Amino acid sequence: MLWTARRRGTPPTASRRRARFEEIDAELAGRPSPEHNEAGAVGWGSSWRMQSYLVMAEITGDPEYVHRLARTVDLVLGVRDSVRGVPDFRGRVLPVWGSSGRFTVATATVPDLRGAPALEVRICPPHAFRATVTVTPDVEDTFTLAVRRAEPGRPETVLTGLDLDPAGARRADRIAYQQYTWQDGTTVRLLPGPEPAGAADPARRLRPGSYRVQPARVGLAAQTGMITFPIAGLARLARERPDLVPAGVAARVDDYLAAVHEALDVHDEQWRLSAEGEGYYTWLPDEPVSFAGAELPTNEFLAVGRTLIQLAAVTGDRGYVDRAAAVARTLRRQLRAEDGAFSWPYWPSFGHVHRGWQPTGDPETDVSRYRPGYRAVPRPEDVTHALIDIDFARLYHATPALPRVFTDDDMRLLAGTFVRNVYRRRWGRPELRRDVSGIGPTGDARHQSHAGGWIFLRQWADPVAGAVAEVERVRTPVAPQDVNAYCAALLARWG
């Protein structure tokens, strides 16, 4: 039997919950609209706002929320890379929202004495874009390479006695590979030089100095999923509840859908389907991200999966139906039931990051060209990213056109995850843990502010409502982010 939360005080009325949403939305609306997605402001910001408008439109029937959603969609589509004319790391200009900075590998290109590019120093996130690379001459035509990161406490990487001799034992890329550590995240690539090449060529030596790094630009699949999900959701709303969508917005829905199709097509080469019928997305081997060649975290491929669900419902296309079902099977097999609740890992348990990997001795056969090795990361899903996971399960379960994957018992166990594993009372105070394991530490004030994102699970276990209400009453206020608008909208619908 699920634990029942004690109820204290008077629960807020529907009008008060809607007013609270308006307060948050007004504060967020007072901030400048993102002009790009370099730092993820669209992928992890505006996307949540769009979701909140979709929820509010569904529960109130007020066309104003549809108009707000459509206006935000227009702004978001206007900052795609294809509209801005901005290329990605391969030089392609794509209909997605590229990111750089804290999300991607940063590279310093060091020239030789002629000024020709001779060495690439590649640094993995986080904070790679603030790093500095310094080349200092040593004796006997060798050099020292130092990588300094900006964040406090991060050790400096120093490689000494290096050269550029293609056949030499101290070739820079070889030494960097041999001394690589997963904490370091620095690799080196020797660039071909003009003939004659080799250490005997006095010009084929590095130019001493300090060099700033340049972060790569990548259209990240998770952010594409986050952005396209509410856009596809608007199309689904127009199809299933046309009375809620004003004519002016309905006339643009086909264009919105076309943009969603184009964006998802960009990531088609990242799709994987196992022999057991589980579907997920990976990073490509040449993508300049920390885990190139590895599988996306659970929440990130589910972010794309939610868009697949909406497209399956809107179009009936068998390809979208099959992919949505394959992603659902992946999530279901990650869920582990114990004591009336589910837990699941942040990284999929079948994947490289969850299990870790070791260098093979040859960068060409390693899991990732940017990380020759990495420790295993079997940590459980955190309570904030889990908002995507549980919404995927809810949405899939509620879409009749899809093959059955999640049962009502599964949904009750997901609800049990909140009341048994996430929510707890410590020293009499209700709070959220940081993850879904049931043994994790207390979340910070930001985690507590996301309690409302779990509220719809009350459909399968009424105690969810009381537990969420208790946390909402006592939690420390935080400056709202876009995800808080989504949580407030869910509270307005399910509170």
Protein backbone atom coordinates (compact mmCIF):
# COMPACT_ATOMS: atom_id res chain seq x y z
CA MET A 1 0.00 0.00 0.00
CA LEU A 2 1.36 3.41 -0.92
CA TRP A 3 2.17 5.81 1.88
CA THR A 4 -0.38 8.64 2.30
CA ALA A 5 0.91 12.17 2.76
CA ARG A 6 -0.52 14.26 5.59
CA ARG A 7 -2.35 17.28 4.30
CA ARG A 8 -1.91 20.58 6.10
CA GLY A 9 -3.39 23.96 5.34
CA THR A 10 -5.81 24.84 2.58
CA PRO A 11 -4.86 23.67 -0.92
CA PRO A 12 -4.70 26.41 -3.53
CA THR A 13 -7.72 26.82 -5.76
CA ALA A 14 -7.55 26.35 -9.53
CA SER A 15 -7.67 30.12 -10.01
CA ARG A 16 -4.76 30.62 -7.62
CA ARG A 17 -2.73 27.96 -9.40
CA ARG A 18 -3.40 29.65 -12.73
CA ALA A 19 -2.45 33.01 -11.22
CA ARG A 20 0.81 31.51 -10.00
CA PHE A 21 1.56 30.29 -13.52
CA GLU A 22 0.90 33.80 -14.85
CA GLU A 23 3.29 35.29 -12.30
CA ILE A 24 6.10 32.98 -13.39
CA ASP A 25 5.35 33.46 -17.08
CA ALA A 26 5.29 37.25 -16.70
CA GLU A 27 8.70 37.23 -15.01
CA LEU A 28 10.15 35.00 -17.73
CA ALA A 29 8.52 37.08 -20.47
CA GLY A 30 10.36 40.13 -19.16
CA ARG A 31 13.68 38.60 -20.14
CA PRO A 32 15.10 38.96 -23.66
CA SER A 33 14.17 36.22 -26.13
CA PRO A 34 17.13 33.98 -27.06
CA GLU A 35 18.82 35.10 -30.27
CA HIS A 36 20.57 31.72 -30.63
CA ASN A 37 21.04 28.41 -28.87
CA GLU A 38 24.81 28.47 -28.36
CA ALA A 39 24.45 28.03 -24.59
CA GLY A 40 21.25 25.95 -24.77
CA ALA A 41 18.85 28.80 -24.02
CA VAL A 42 16.35 27.45 -26.55
CA GLY A 43 16.91 23.72 -26.05
CA TRP A 44 16.79 23.79 -22.26
CA GLY A 45 14.86 27.05 -21.83
CA SER A 46 12.30 28.11 -24.40
CA SER A 47 11.30 24.48 -24.95
CA TRP A 48 9.94 24.26 -21.40
CA ARG A 49 8.00 27.51 -21.87
CA MET A 50 6.42 26.12 -25.03
CA GLN A 51 5.44 22.98 -23.15
CA SER A 52 3.85 25.08 -20.42
CA TYR A 53 1.68 26.96 -22.94
CA LEU A 54 0.59 23.68 -24.48
CA VAL A 55 -0.52 22.37 -21.07
CA MET A 56 -2.33 25.61 -20.21
CA ALA A 57 -4.12 25.62 -23.57
CA GLU A 58 -5.31 22.06 -22.99
CA ILE A 59 -6.72 22.72 -19.51
CA THR A 60 -8.24 26.17 -19.96
CA GLY A 61 -9.34 26.22 -23.60
CA ASP A 62 -8.14 29.83 -23.63
CA PRO A 63 -6.85 30.69 -27.12
CA GLU A 64 -4.40 33.16 -25.57
CA TYR A 65 -2.15 30.27 -24.58
CA VAL A 66 -2.19 28.91 -28.12
CA HIS A 67 -1.22 32.36 -29.38
CA ARG A 68 1.64 32.53 -26.86
CA LEU A 69 2.80 29.12 -27.96
CA ALA A 70 2.65 30.02 -31.65
CA ARG A 71 4.52 33.29 -31.07
CA THR A 72 7.26 31.41 -29.24
CA VAL A 73 7.39 28.77 -31.97
CA ASP A 74 7.86 31.52 -34.57
CA LEU A 75 10.72 33.03 -32.55
CA VAL A 76 12.34 29.63 -32.06
CA LEU A 77 12.11 28.68 -35.72
CA GLY A 78 13.67 32.03 -36.55
CA VAL A 79 16.91 31.18 -34.73
CA ARG A 80 17.61 27.83 -36.41
CA ASP A 81 21.09 27.49 -37.84
CA SER A 82 19.61 27.33 -41.35
CA VAL A 83 17.95 30.71 -40.86
CA ARG A 84 20.98 32.31 -39.25
CA GLY A 85 23.34 30.81 -41.83
CA VAL A 86 25.60 29.31 -39.18
CA PRO A 87 27.53 26.08 -40.02
CA ASP A 88 28.13 23.14 -37.71
CA PHE A 89 31.46 21.42 -37.06
CA ARG A 90 31.33 19.75 -40.48
CA GLY A 91 30.53 23.01 -42.29
CA ARG A 92 26.87 22.05 -42.82
CA VAL A 93 24.09 24.61 -42.32
CA LEU A 94 21.21 22.60 -40.85
CA PRO A 95 17.58 23.25 -39.78
CA VAL A 96 18.37 22.68 -36.08
CA TRP A 97 19.62 24.70 -33.13
CA GLY A 98 23.36 24.23 -32.75
CA SER A 99 25.16 24.58 -29.43
CA SER A 100 28.75 25.15 -28.43
CA GLY A 101 30.47 26.48 -25.33
CA ARG A 102 29.88 24.25 -22.32
CA PHE A 103 28.37 21.42 -24.39
CA THR A 104 31.12 20.65 -26.88
CA VAL A 105 34.81 19.90 -27.31
CA ALA A 106 36.99 22.98 -27.60
CA THR A 107 40.09 22.96 -29.80
CA ALA A 108 43.25 25.04 -29.97
CA THR A 109 45.10 24.89 -33.29
CA VAL A 110 48.81 25.55 -32.80
CA PRO A 111 50.86 26.67 -35.87
CA ASP A 112 54.40 25.77 -36.79
CA LEU A 113 57.09 28.36 -37.46
CA ARG A 114 55.78 28.85 -41.01
CA GLY A 115 52.34 29.66 -39.61
CA ALA A 116 50.78 26.44 -40.96
CA PRO A 117 48.47 24.50 -38.59
CA ALA A 118 50.57 21.77 -36.98
CA LEU A 119 48.82 20.51 -33.83
CA GLU A 120 45.25 20.27 -32.56
CA VAL A 121 44.73 20.23 -28.80
CA ARG A 122 41.20 19.01 -28.02
CA ILE A 123 39.62 19.49 -24.59
CA CYS A 124 36.38 17.90 -23.42
CA PRO A 125 33.69 19.73 -21.44
CA PRO A 126 32.85 20.99 -18.92
CA HIS A 127 34.27 24.50 -19.17
CA ALA A 128 36.56 23.50 -22.02
CA PHE A 129 35.80 26.72 -23.90
CA ARG A 130 37.56 28.74 -21.18
CA ALA A 131 40.80 26.75 -21.35
CA THR A 132 44.16 28.10 -22.47
CA VAL A 133 46.84 26.11 -24.27
CA THR A 134 50.48 27.15 -23.88
CA VAL A 135 53.50 25.94 -25.87
CA THR A 136 56.96 26.47 -24.35
CA PRO A 137 60.27 25.47 -26.05
CA ASP A 138 62.45 22.89 -24.28
CA VAL A 139 66.03 21.96 -25.01
CA GLU A 140 67.00 19.90 -28.08
CA ASP A 141 64.06 20.91 -30.26
CA THR A 142 61.33 19.58 -27.96
CA PHE A 143 58.50 21.52 -26.34
CA THR A 144 56.16 21.49 -23.34
CA LEU A 145 52.42 21.60 -23.82
CA ALA A 146 50.28 22.91 -20.93
CA VAL A 147 46.47 23.04 -20.76
CA ARG A 148 44.96 25.26 -18.08
CA ARG A 149 41.25 25.15 -17.36
CA ALA A 150 39.42 28.10 -15.88
CA GLU A 151 37.40 26.31 -13.20
CA PRO A 152 38.94 26.19 -9.71
CA GLY A 153 40.38 22.93 -8.47
CA ARG A 154 40.94 21.46 -11.94
CA PRO A 155 44.59 20.30 -12.25
CA GLU A 156 46.73 21.62 -15.05
CA THR A 157 47.71 19.18 -17.81
CA VAL A 158 51.44 19.40 -18.58
CA LEU A 159 53.21 17.25 -21.19
CA THR A 160 56.98 17.72 -21.57
CA GLY A 161 59.68 16.70 -24.03
CA LEU A 162 57.34 16.54 -27.04
CA ASP A 163 58.14 16.80 -30.73
CA LEU A 164 56.37 16.53 -34.10
CA ASP A 165 58.53 13.80 -35.63
CA PRO A 166 56.04 11.40 -37.31
CA ALA A 167 58.30 8.44 -36.49
CA GLY A 168 59.50 9.68 -33.10
CA ALA A 169 58.86 8.10 -29.69
CA ARG A 170 58.03 11.55 -28.22
CA ARG A 171 55.50 12.54 -30.86
CA ALA A 172 53.02 14.86 -29.16
CA ASP A 173 49.84 12.95 -29.95
CA ARG A 174 51.33 9.63 -28.83
CA ILE A 175 52.51 10.99 -25.48
CA ALA A 176 49.17 12.70 -24.89
CA TYR A 177 47.40 9.40 -25.58
CA GLN A 178 49.68 7.43 -23.25
CA GLN A 179 49.26 9.91 -20.40
CA TYR A 180 45.53 10.51 -20.87
CA THR A 181 43.27 10.27 -17.80
CA TRP A 182 39.48 10.44 -17.79
CA GLN A 183 39.61 13.45 -15.44
CA ASP A 184 41.88 15.23 -17.91
CA GLY A 185 39.81 14.93 -21.08
CA THR A 186 42.62 16.28 -23.31
CA THR A 187 43.71 14.64 -26.55
CA VAL A 188 46.11 15.81 -29.26
CA ARG A 189 46.10 15.34 -33.02
CA LEU A 190 49.13 15.87 -35.26
CA LEU A 191 48.22 17.71 -38.45
CA PRO A 192 49.98 16.92 -41.73
CA GLY A 193 52.55 19.48 -42.71
CA PRO A 194 54.11 20.61 -45.97
CA GLU A 195 56.95 18.61 -47.45
CA PRO A 196 59.55 17.96 -46.26
CA ALA A 197 57.94 16.83 -43.00
CA GLY A 198 59.66 15.60 -39.87
CA ALA A 199 61.75 16.79 -36.98
CA ALA A 200 64.68 17.47 -39.33
CA ASP A 201 62.73 20.33 -40.90
CA PRO A 202 63.52 23.32 -38.63
CA ALA A 203 60.30 25.08 -39.66
CA ARG A 204 58.23 22.09 -38.55
CA ARG A 205 58.40 23.16 -34.94
CA LEU A 206 55.61 24.72 -32.94
CA ARG A 207 55.38 28.45 -32.56
CA PRO A 208 55.69 29.21 -28.83
CA GLY A 209 52.89 31.12 -27.15
CA SER A 210 49.47 30.89 -25.53
CA TYR A 211 46.45 29.91 -27.60
CA ARG A 212 42.74 30.28 -26.92
CA VAL A 213 40.44 27.42 -27.73
CA GLN A 214 37.42 27.44 -30.03
CA PRO A 215 34.39 25.33 -29.05
CA ALA A 216 32.80 23.27 -31.81
CA ARG A 217 29.18 23.79 -32.88
CA VAL A 218 26.94 20.73 -32.80
CA GLY A 219 23.21 20.26 -33.28
CA LEU A 220 22.52 18.09 -30.24
CA ALA A 221 19.76 15.50 -30.61
CA ALA A 222 18.42 16.00 -27.08
CA GLN A 223 17.89 19.71 -27.64
CA THR A 224 16.25 19.07 -31.01
CA GLY A 225 13.86 16.74 -29.21
CA MET A 226 13.10 19.25 -26.47
CA ILE A 227 12.38 22.03 -28.97
CA THR A 228 10.35 20.03 -31.47
CA PHE A 229 8.21 18.24 -28.89
CA PRO A 230 5.86 21.15 -28.06
CA ILE A 231 5.79 22.22 -31.71
CA ALA A 232 4.58 18.76 -32.70
CA GLY A 233 2.27 18.91 -29.69
CA LEU A 234 0.62 22.01 -31.11
CA ALA A 235 0.02 20.14 -34.35
CA ARG A 236 -1.53 17.28 -32.38
CA LEU A 237 -3.74 19.73 -30.48
CA ALA A 238 -4.91 21.23 -33.79
CA ARG A 239 -5.81 17.78 -35.05
CA GLU A 240 -7.46 16.36 -31.93
CA ARG A 241 -9.04 19.51 -30.50
CA PRO A 242 -9.40 21.96 -33.38
CA ASP A 243 -11.83 24.09 -31.37
CA LEU A 244 -8.90 25.21 -29.16
CA VAL A 245 -6.68 26.40 -32.01
CA PRO A 246 -7.50 29.78 -33.62
CA ALA A 247 -7.69 29.78 -37.42
CA GLY A 248 -4.61 31.96 -37.82
CA VAL A 249 -2.50 29.47 -35.88
CA ALA A 250 -4.09 26.43 -37.52
CA ALA A 251 -3.08 27.83 -40.91
CA ARG A 252 0.58 27.64 -39.87
CA VAL A 253 0.52 24.12 -38.44
CA ASP A 254 1.63 22.40 -41.65
CA ASP A 255 4.69 24.65 -41.80
CA TYR A 256 5.43 23.89 -38.16
CA LEU A 257 5.20 20.16 -38.83
CA ALA A 258 7.52 20.46 -41.82
CA ALA A 259 10.09 22.15 -39.58
CA VAL A 260 9.81 19.30 -37.06
CA HIS A 261 10.30 16.65 -39.77
CA GLU A 262 13.35 18.49 -41.12
CA ALA A 263 14.91 18.81 -37.68
CA LEU A 264 14.46 15.14 -36.79
CA ASP A 265 15.84 14.06 -40.16
CA VAL A 266 19.16 15.67 -39.20
CA HIS A 267 19.57 13.06 -36.46
CA ASP A 268 18.45 10.06 -38.47
CA GLU A 269 22.02 8.76 -38.75
CA GLN A 270 22.19 8.66 -34.93
CA TRP A 271 19.27 6.23 -34.60
CA ARG A 272 20.04 2.71 -33.42
CA LEU A 273 17.80 -0.35 -33.12
CA SER A 274 18.95 -3.40 -31.17
CA ALA A 275 18.23 -7.01 -32.04
CA GLU A 276 15.72 -7.00 -29.15
CA GLY A 277 13.78 -4.13 -30.70
CA GLU A 278 15.04 -1.38 -28.38
CA GLY A 279 15.52 2.01 -30.01
CA TYR A 280 17.74 4.88 -28.90
CA TYR A 281 20.07 7.58 -30.21
CA THR A 282 23.86 7.82 -30.05
CA TRP A 283 26.48 10.46 -30.65
CA LEU A 284 28.39 9.89 -33.86
CA PRO A 285 32.10 8.96 -33.67
CA ASP A 286 33.15 12.29 -35.19
CA GLU A 287 30.84 14.54 -33.15
CA PRO A 288 33.03 16.82 -31.03
CA VAL A 289 31.34 16.03 -27.72
CA SER A 290 32.64 14.29 -24.60
CA PHE A 291 31.16 10.91 -25.42
CA ALA A 292 31.38 10.71 -29.20
CA GLY A 293 30.40 7.21 -30.31
CA ALA A 294 28.48 6.44 -27.10
CA GLU A 295 24.76 6.27 -26.38
CA LEU A 296 22.82 9.34 -25.26
CA PRO A 297 21.63 9.48 -21.64
CA THR A 298 18.18 8.00 -21.05
CA ASN A 299 16.45 11.37 -20.72
CA GLU A 300 18.11 12.70 -23.87
CA PHE A 301 16.93 10.00 -26.27
CA LEU A 302 13.53 10.13 -24.57
CA ALA A 303 13.42 13.85 -25.38
CA VAL A 304 13.49 12.85 -29.05
CA GLY A 305 11.11 10.00 -28.26
CA ARG A 306 8.41 12.38 -27.07
CA THR A 307 8.48 14.10 -30.45
CA LEU A 308 8.20 10.70 -32.13
CA ILE A 309 5.05 10.02 -30.09
CA GLN A 310 3.45 13.29 -31.19
CA LEU A 311 4.33 12.71 -34.83
CA ALA A 312 2.99 9.16 -34.67
CA ALA A 313 -0.31 10.51 -33.33
CA VAL A 314 -0.52 13.38 -35.84
CA THR A 315 0.58 11.58 -39.01
CA GLY A 316 -0.07 7.90 -38.33
CA ASP A 317 3.18 7.25 -40.18
CA ARG A 318 4.35 3.71 -39.46
CA GLY A 319 7.96 4.80 -39.21
CA TYR A 320 7.18 7.16 -36.34
CA VAL A 321 4.94 4.58 -34.65
CA ASP A 322 7.66 1.93 -34.80
CA ARG A 323 10.37 4.25 -33.52
CA ALA A 324 8.22 5.55 -30.66
CA ALA A 325 7.47 1.96 -29.65
CA ALA A 326 11.15 1.01 -29.85
CA VAL A 327 12.12 3.91 -27.57
CA ALA A 328 9.33 2.95 -25.15
CA ARG A 329 10.68 -0.61 -24.98
CA THR A 330 14.12 0.78 -24.17
CA LEU A 331 12.80 2.80 -21.25
CA ARG A 332 10.63 -0.05 -19.96
CA ARG A 333 13.61 -2.41 -19.86
CA GLN A 334 15.63 0.16 -17.93
CA LEU A 335 13.00 0.36 -15.17
CA ARG A 336 13.74 -1.85 -12.16
CA ALA A 337 10.89 -2.53 -9.72
CA GLU A 338 11.54 -2.83 -5.99
CA ASP A 339 9.28 -2.20 -2.98
CA GLY A 340 6.45 -0.70 -5.01
CA ALA A 341 8.59 1.72 -7.03
CA PHE A 342 10.78 1.94 -10.11
CA SER A 343 14.36 3.11 -10.29
CA TRP A 344 16.46 3.52 -13.42
CA PRO A 345 19.88 4.82 -14.46
CA TYR A 346 20.80 8.19 -15.92
CA TRP A 347 22.91 6.45 -18.58
CA PRO A 348 21.30 3.38 -20.21
CA SER A 349 22.65 0.24 -18.55
CA PHE A 350 23.59 -1.34 -21.89
CA GLY A 351 25.68 1.65 -22.91
CA HIS A 352 29.34 2.55 -22.87
CA VAL A 353 29.22 5.36 -20.31
CA HIS A 354 27.23 3.31 -17.79
CA ARG A 355 29.82 0.52 -18.02
CA GLY A 356 32.94 2.58 -18.71
CA TRP A 357 35.71 1.70 -21.18
CA GLN A 358 39.47 1.44 -21.47
CA PRO A 359 41.85 2.63 -24.21
CA THR A 360 42.51 -0.01 -26.86
CA GLY A 361 45.96 1.32 -27.67
CA ASP A 362 44.77 2.76 -30.99
CA PRO A 363 42.61 5.92 -31.16
CA GLU A 364 40.92 4.52 -34.27
CA THR A 365 39.42 1.61 -32.33
CA ASP A 366 38.56 3.40 -29.08
CA VAL A 367 34.92 4.04 -28.15
CA SER A 368 35.49 7.80 -28.45
CA ARG A 369 38.14 9.69 -30.34
CA TYR A 370 37.91 12.47 -27.74
CA ARG A 371 38.03 10.20 -24.68
CA PRO A 372 40.26 7.11 -25.05
CA GLY A 373 38.88 5.81 -21.76
CA TYR A 374 36.31 6.70 -19.13
CA ARG A 375 35.20 5.41 -15.74
CA ALA A 376 31.86 3.64 -15.34
CA VAL A 377 28.98 5.99 -14.43
CA PRO A 378 26.12 3.80 -13.12
CA ARG A 379 24.42 6.63 -11.21
CA PRO A 380 20.62 6.78 -10.99
CA GLU A 381 18.49 9.27 -12.87
CA ASP A 382 18.14 12.65 -11.15
CA VAL A 383 14.75 14.10 -10.24
CA THR A 384 14.90 16.96 -12.76
CA HIS A 385 15.87 15.02 -15.89
CA ALA A 386 13.36 12.38 -14.77
CA LEU A 387 10.61 14.89 -15.66
CA ILE A 388 11.29 14.03 -19.30
CA ASP A 389 11.30 10.29 -18.59
CA ILE A 390 8.01 10.16 -16.72
CA ASP A 391 6.33 12.44 -19.24
CA PHE A 392 7.43 10.15 -22.05
CA ALA A 393 5.83 7.19 -20.25
CA ARG A 394 2.63 9.15 -19.52
CA LEU A 395 2.33 10.42 -23.08
CA TYR A 396 3.04 7.04 -24.62
CA HIS A 397 0.56 5.30 -22.31
CA ALA A 398 -2.13 7.88 -23.22
CA THR A 399 -1.67 7.59 -27.01
CA PRO A 400 -4.02 4.82 -28.23
CA ALA A 401 -2.46 4.49 -31.70
CA LEU A 402 0.76 3.06 -30.25
CA PRO A 403 1.54 -0.57 -29.40
CA ARG A 404 1.11 -1.30 -25.72
CA VAL A 405 4.34 -1.11 -23.73
CA PHE A 406 3.47 0.46 -20.35
CA THR A 407 0.69 -1.13 -18.32
CA ASP A 408 -1.40 0.52 -15.62
CA ASP A 409 0.69 -1.40 -13.08
CA ASP A 410 3.82 0.18 -14.59
CA MET A 411 2.32 3.64 -14.20
CA ARG A 412 1.44 2.88 -10.57
CA LEU A 413 5.04 1.88 -9.97
CA LEU A 414 6.20 5.17 -11.54
CA ALA A 415 3.91 6.98 -9.13
CA GLY A 416 5.44 4.88 -6.36
CA THR A 417 8.84 6.17 -7.45
CA PHE A 418 7.77 9.61 -6.32
CA VAL A 419 6.07 8.78 -3.04
CA ARG A 420 8.59 6.13 -1.97
CA ASN A 421 11.93 7.06 -3.55
CA VAL A 422 11.85 10.77 -4.35
CA TYR A 423 9.66 12.28 -1.62
CA ARG A 424 10.59 11.91 2.02
CA ARG A 425 10.13 13.63 5.36
CA ARG A 426 13.41 14.39 7.11
CA TRP A 427 13.21 15.74 10.63
CA GLY A 428 9.56 16.42 9.95
CA ARG A 429 10.19 18.50 6.84
CA PRO A 430 8.96 17.29 3.42
CA GLU A 431 11.59 17.34 0.69
CA LEU A 432 12.78 15.69 -2.52
CA ARG A 433 15.82 13.52 -2.88
CA ARG A 434 18.25 14.31 -5.66
CA ASP A 435 17.60 11.08 -7.62
CA VAL A 436 15.10 8.25 -8.10
CA SER A 437 17.04 5.54 -6.26
CA GLY A 438 15.40 6.02 -2.86
CA ILE A 439 18.79 6.36 -1.13
CA GLY A 440 20.18 9.51 -2.73
CA PRO A 441 20.97 12.76 -0.91
CA THR A 442 18.59 15.67 -0.45
CA GLY A 443 18.14 17.81 -3.52
CA ASP A 444 18.97 21.50 -3.47
CA ALA A 445 16.43 24.33 -3.70
CA ARG A 446 16.31 24.01 -7.50
CA HIS A 447 15.43 20.32 -7.27
CA GLN A 448 12.67 21.10 -4.74
CA SER A 449 11.18 23.62 -7.17
CA HIS A 450 10.54 20.82 -9.69
CA ALA A 451 8.17 18.86 -7.47
CA GLY A 452 5.21 20.01 -9.56
CA GLY A 453 6.64 18.20 -12.58
CA TRP A 454 5.62 14.90 -10.96
CA ILE A 455 2.03 15.86 -10.16
CA PHE A 456 0.30 14.11 -13.07
CA LEU A 457 1.28 10.75 -11.53
CA ARG A 458 -1.57 11.29 -9.09
CA GLN A 459 -3.72 9.60 -11.74
CA TRP A 460 -2.17 6.31 -10.60
CA ALA A 461 -1.56 7.05 -6.93
CA ASP A 462 -3.45 9.77 -5.10
CA PRO A 463 -0.72 10.24 -2.44
CA VAL A 464 1.39 11.97 -5.11
CA ALA A 465 -0.84 15.04 -4.86
CA GLY A 466 -0.43 15.38 -1.11
CA ALA A 467 3.32 14.84 -1.23
CA VAL A 468 3.79 17.43 -3.97
CA ALA A 469 1.59 19.90 -2.08
CA GLU A 470 3.65 19.50 1.08
CA VAL A 471 6.92 20.16 -0.72
CA GLU A 472 5.41 23.14 -2.53
CA ARG A 473 4.28 24.69 0.77
CA VAL A 474 7.65 24.58 2.52
CA ARG A 475 10.26 24.76 -0.22
CA THR A 476 12.62 27.73 -0.49
CA PRO A 477 11.61 30.09 -3.33
CA VAL A 478 14.03 30.27 -6.25
CA ALA A 479 14.33 32.62 -9.20
CA PRO A 480 12.13 30.92 -11.81
CA GLN A 481 13.58 29.23 -14.85
CA ASP A 482 11.59 28.09 -17.86
CA VAL A 483 11.16 24.60 -16.42
CA ASN A 484 9.35 26.16 -13.46
CA ALA A 485 6.69 27.48 -15.83
CA TYR A 486 6.15 23.90 -17.01
CA CYS A 487 5.87 22.67 -13.40
CA ALA A 488 3.41 25.48 -12.59
CA ALA A 489 1.31 24.57 -15.61
CA LEU A 490 1.15 20.95 -14.51
CA LEU A 491 0.11 22.06 -11.01
CA ALA A 492 -2.64 24.15 -12.60
CA ARG A 493 -3.86 21.08 -14.47
CA TRP A 494 -3.38 18.33 -11.87
CA GLY A 495 -2.93 20.09 -8.54
